[in-house]
Amino acid sequence: MVFLSALWLFWRTHKALGRQWSVSLELRESHKLITSGVYEHVRHPMYSAFFLWALAQALLLPNLVAGFSGFVGFGILFFLRVGEEEAMMREAFGAEYDAYCARTKRVVPFLY
């Protein structure tokens, strides 16, 4: 169930972003701040999906190294990119993004 939840959330994130999604850190010319759907609950639902994926991997693989390597990958991705993404969004959307941050957690609804 955890893995299926990760896949569903990953799919919903891509669907919500549409053509605005990019593998690199960039804003397109017609970029809009998405604050509805899965983005209503967390600012970085794709990272939430990656976290769930890492959790599923840890639960499914009986090997400690292989099982928890997903958390290492998630941690590296999260700590290297989220700050840059948020700075880029803050620069592009200003007060609108600040207000969004004030009412929405980063990755885990109601917690963080």
C-alpha atoms as a PDB file:
ATOM      1  CA  MET A   1       0.000   0.000   0.000  1.00  0.00           C
ATOM      2  CA  VAL A   2       2.844   2.393   0.775  1.00  0.00           C
ATOM      3  CA  PHE A   3       4.409   1.848  -2.646  1.00  0.00           C
ATOM      4  CA  LEU A   4       1.049   2.281  -4.398  1.00  0.00           C
ATOM      5  CA  SER A   5       0.497   5.505  -2.456  1.00  0.00           C
ATOM      6  CA  ALA A   6       3.905   6.739  -3.626  1.00  0.00           C
ATOM      7  CA  LEU A   7       3.067   5.961  -7.251  1.00  0.00           C
ATOM      8  CA  TRP A   8      -0.349   7.623  -6.982  1.00  0.00           C
ATOM      9  CA  LEU A   9       1.144  10.762  -5.413  1.00  0.00           C
ATOM     10  CA  PHE A  10       3.917  10.894  -8.024  1.00  0.00           C
ATOM     11  CA  TRP A  11       1.304  10.619 -10.796  1.00  0.00           C
ATOM     12  CA  ARG A  12      -0.947  13.302  -9.225  1.00  0.00           C
ATOM     13  CA  THR A  13       2.024  15.643  -8.875  1.00  0.00           C
ATOM     14  CA  HIS A  14       2.903  15.323 -12.547  1.00  0.00           C
ATOM     15  CA  LYS A  15      -0.738  15.718 -13.540  1.00  0.00           C
ATOM     16  CA  ALA A  16      -1.083  18.891 -11.438  1.00  0.00           C
ATOM     17  CA  LEU A  17       2.057  20.458 -12.925  1.00  0.00           C
ATOM     18  CA  GLY A  18       1.359  19.471 -16.520  1.00  0.00           C
ATOM     19  CA  ARG A  19       3.784  21.149 -18.923  1.00  0.00           C
ATOM     20  CA  GLN A  20       5.314  23.146 -16.074  1.00  0.00           C
ATOM     21  CA  TRP A  21       7.133  20.041 -14.801  1.00  0.00           C
ATOM     22  CA  SER A  22      10.838  19.830 -15.548  1.00  0.00           C
ATOM     23  CA  VAL A  23      13.611  17.532 -14.383  1.00  0.00           C
ATOM     24  CA  SER A  24      15.856  20.586 -13.992  1.00  0.00           C
ATOM     25  CA  LEU A  25      15.352  23.634 -11.790  1.00  0.00           C
ATOM     26  CA  GLU A  26      13.706  26.083 -14.153  1.00  0.00           C
ATOM     27  CA  LEU A  27      10.599  28.196 -14.488  1.00  0.00           C
ATOM     28  CA  ARG A  28       8.924  28.378 -17.844  1.00  0.00           C
ATOM     29  CA  GLU A  29       7.719  31.669 -19.318  1.00  0.00           C
ATOM     30  CA  SER A  30       4.057  31.040 -18.494  1.00  0.00           C
ATOM     31  CA  HIS A  31       4.771  29.362 -15.145  1.00  0.00           C
ATOM     32  CA  LYS A  32       2.036  29.633 -12.530  1.00  0.00           C
ATOM     33  CA  LEU A  33       2.157  28.850  -8.823  1.00  0.00           C
ATOM     34  CA  ILE A  34       0.131  25.669  -8.283  1.00  0.00           C
ATOM     35  CA  THR A  35      -1.545  25.638  -4.851  1.00  0.00           C
ATOM     36  CA  SER A  36      -4.461  23.276  -5.409  1.00  0.00           C
ATOM     37  CA  GLY A  37      -4.863  19.513  -5.581  1.00  0.00           C
ATOM     38  CA  VAL A  38      -1.938  17.703  -3.944  1.00  0.00           C
ATOM     39  CA  TYR A  39      -0.162  21.071  -3.675  1.00  0.00           C
ATOM     40  CA  GLU A  40      -2.868  22.235  -1.285  1.00  0.00           C
ATOM     41  CA  HIS A  41      -1.501  19.852   1.357  1.00  0.00           C
ATOM     42  CA  VAL A  42       2.293  20.070   0.856  1.00  0.00           C
ATOM     43  CA  ARG A  43       4.615  22.298  -1.168  1.00  0.00           C
ATOM     44  CA  HIS A  44       6.719  19.408  -2.473  1.00  0.00           C
ATOM     45  CA  PRO A  45       4.428  16.416  -3.061  1.00  0.00           C
ATOM     46  CA  MET A  46       6.920  14.808  -5.443  1.00  0.00           C
ATOM     47  CA  TYR A  47       9.416  14.605  -2.582  1.00  0.00           C
ATOM     48  CA  SER A  48       6.621  13.215  -0.409  1.00  0.00           C
ATOM     49  CA  ALA A  49       6.189  10.499  -3.045  1.00  0.00           C
ATOM     50  CA  PHE A  50       9.945   9.804  -3.047  1.00  0.00           C
ATOM     51  CA  PHE A  51       9.853   9.519   0.763  1.00  0.00           C
ATOM     52  CA  LEU A  52       6.971   7.024   0.581  1.00  0.00           C
ATOM     53  CA  TRP A  53       8.869   5.107  -2.091  1.00  0.00           C
ATOM     54  CA  ALA A  54      11.929   4.929   0.207  1.00  0.00           C
ATOM     55  CA  LEU A  55       9.707   3.785   3.077  1.00  0.00           C
ATOM     56  CA  ALA A  56       8.184   1.056   0.902  1.00  0.00           C
ATOM     57  CA  GLN A  57      11.663  -0.069  -0.130  1.00  0.00           C
ATOM     58  CA  ALA A  58      12.759  -0.277   3.523  1.00  0.00           C
ATOM     59  CA  LEU A  59       9.669  -2.313   4.400  1.00  0.00           C
ATOM     60  CA  LEU A  60       9.979  -4.675   1.426  1.00  0.00           C
ATOM     61  CA  LEU A  61      13.707  -5.421   1.357  1.00  0.00           C
ATOM     62  CA  PRO A  62      15.034  -7.512   4.260  1.00  0.00           C
ATOM     63  CA  ASN A  63      18.598  -6.264   3.718  1.00  0.00           C
ATOM     64  CA  LEU A  64      19.426  -3.240   5.893  1.00  0.00           C
ATOM     65  CA  VAL A  65      21.766  -1.654   3.358  1.00  0.00           C
ATOM     66  CA  ALA A  66      19.493  -2.123   0.345  1.00  0.00           C
ATOM     67  CA  GLY A  67      16.356  -1.419   2.351  1.00  0.00           C
ATOM     68  CA  PHE A  68      17.496   1.903   3.726  1.00  0.00           C
ATOM     69  CA  SER A  69      19.443   3.107   0.688  1.00  0.00           C
ATOM     70  CA  GLY A  70      16.229   4.712  -0.569  1.00  0.00           C
ATOM     71  CA  PHE A  71      16.262   7.050   2.444  1.00  0.00           C
ATOM     72  CA  VAL A  72      19.855   8.013   1.646  1.00  0.00           C
ATOM     73  CA  GLY A  73      18.867   8.838  -1.934  1.00  0.00           C
ATOM     74  CA  PHE A  74      15.828  10.769  -0.748  1.00  0.00           C
ATOM     75  CA  GLY A  75      17.903  12.708   1.792  1.00  0.00           C
ATOM     76  CA  ILE A  76      20.504  13.715  -0.766  1.00  0.00           C
ATOM     77  CA  LEU A  77      17.868  14.788  -3.282  1.00  0.00           C
ATOM     78  CA  PHE A  78      15.804  16.625  -0.675  1.00  0.00           C
ATOM     79  CA  PHE A  79      18.616  18.535   1.015  1.00  0.00           C
ATOM     80  CA  LEU A  80      20.357  19.494  -2.222  1.00  0.00           C
ATOM     81  CA  ARG A  81      17.279  20.689  -4.132  1.00  0.00           C
ATOM     82  CA  VAL A  82      14.458  21.896  -1.926  1.00  0.00           C
ATOM     83  CA  GLY A  83      16.238  25.035  -0.722  1.00  0.00           C
ATOM     84  CA  GLU A  84      17.141  26.000  -4.289  1.00  0.00           C
ATOM     85  CA  GLU A  85      13.601  25.305  -5.513  1.00  0.00           C
ATOM     86  CA  GLU A  86      12.067  27.410  -2.775  1.00  0.00           C
ATOM     87  CA  ALA A  87      14.479  30.297  -3.407  1.00  0.00           C
ATOM     88  CA  MET A  88      13.636  30.183  -7.119  1.00  0.00           C
ATOM     89  CA  MET A  89       9.883  30.147  -6.402  1.00  0.00           C
ATOM     90  CA  ARG A  90      10.204  32.963  -3.855  1.00  0.00           C
ATOM     91  CA  GLU A  91      12.087  35.088  -6.382  1.00  0.00           C
ATOM     92  CA  ALA A  92       9.485  34.435  -9.088  1.00  0.00           C
ATOM     93  CA  PHE A  93       6.289  34.682  -7.020  1.00  0.00           C
ATOM     94  CA  GLY A  94       7.296  36.834  -4.029  1.00  0.00           C
ATOM     95  CA  ALA A  95       4.585  37.457  -1.445  1.00  0.00           C
ATOM     96  CA  GLU A  96       2.251  34.948  -3.092  1.00  0.00           C
ATOM     97  CA  TYR A  97       4.792  32.177  -2.467  1.00  0.00           C
ATOM     98  CA  ASP A  98       5.473  33.407   1.082  1.00  0.00           C
ATOM     99  CA  ALA A  99       1.740  33.218   1.863  1.00  0.00           C
ATOM    100  CA  TYR A 100       1.609  29.719   0.366  1.00  0.00           C
ATOM    101  CA  CYS A 101       4.576  28.658   2.535  1.00  0.00           C
ATOM    102  CA  ALA A 102       2.897  30.064   5.643  1.00  0.00           C
ATOM    103  CA  ARG A 103      -0.163  27.854   5.193  1.00  0.00           C
ATOM    104  CA  THR A 104       1.429  24.710   3.710  1.00  0.00           C
ATOM    105  CA  LYS A 105       4.059  22.301   5.051  1.00  0.00           C
ATOM    106  CA  ARG A 106       7.003  21.191   2.909  1.00  0.00           C
ATOM    107  CA  VAL A 107       6.659  17.402   2.639  1.00  0.00           C
ATOM    108  CA  VAL A 108       4.515  15.901   5.420  1.00  0.00           C
ATOM    109  CA  PRO A 109       1.041  17.416   5.940  1.00  0.00           C
ATOM    110  CA  PHE A 110       0.630  19.080   9.360  1.00  0.00           C
ATOM    111  CA  LEU A 111       4.214  18.177  10.418  1.00  0.00           C
ATOM    112  CA  TYR A 112       7.012  19.357   8.113  1.00  0.00           C
END
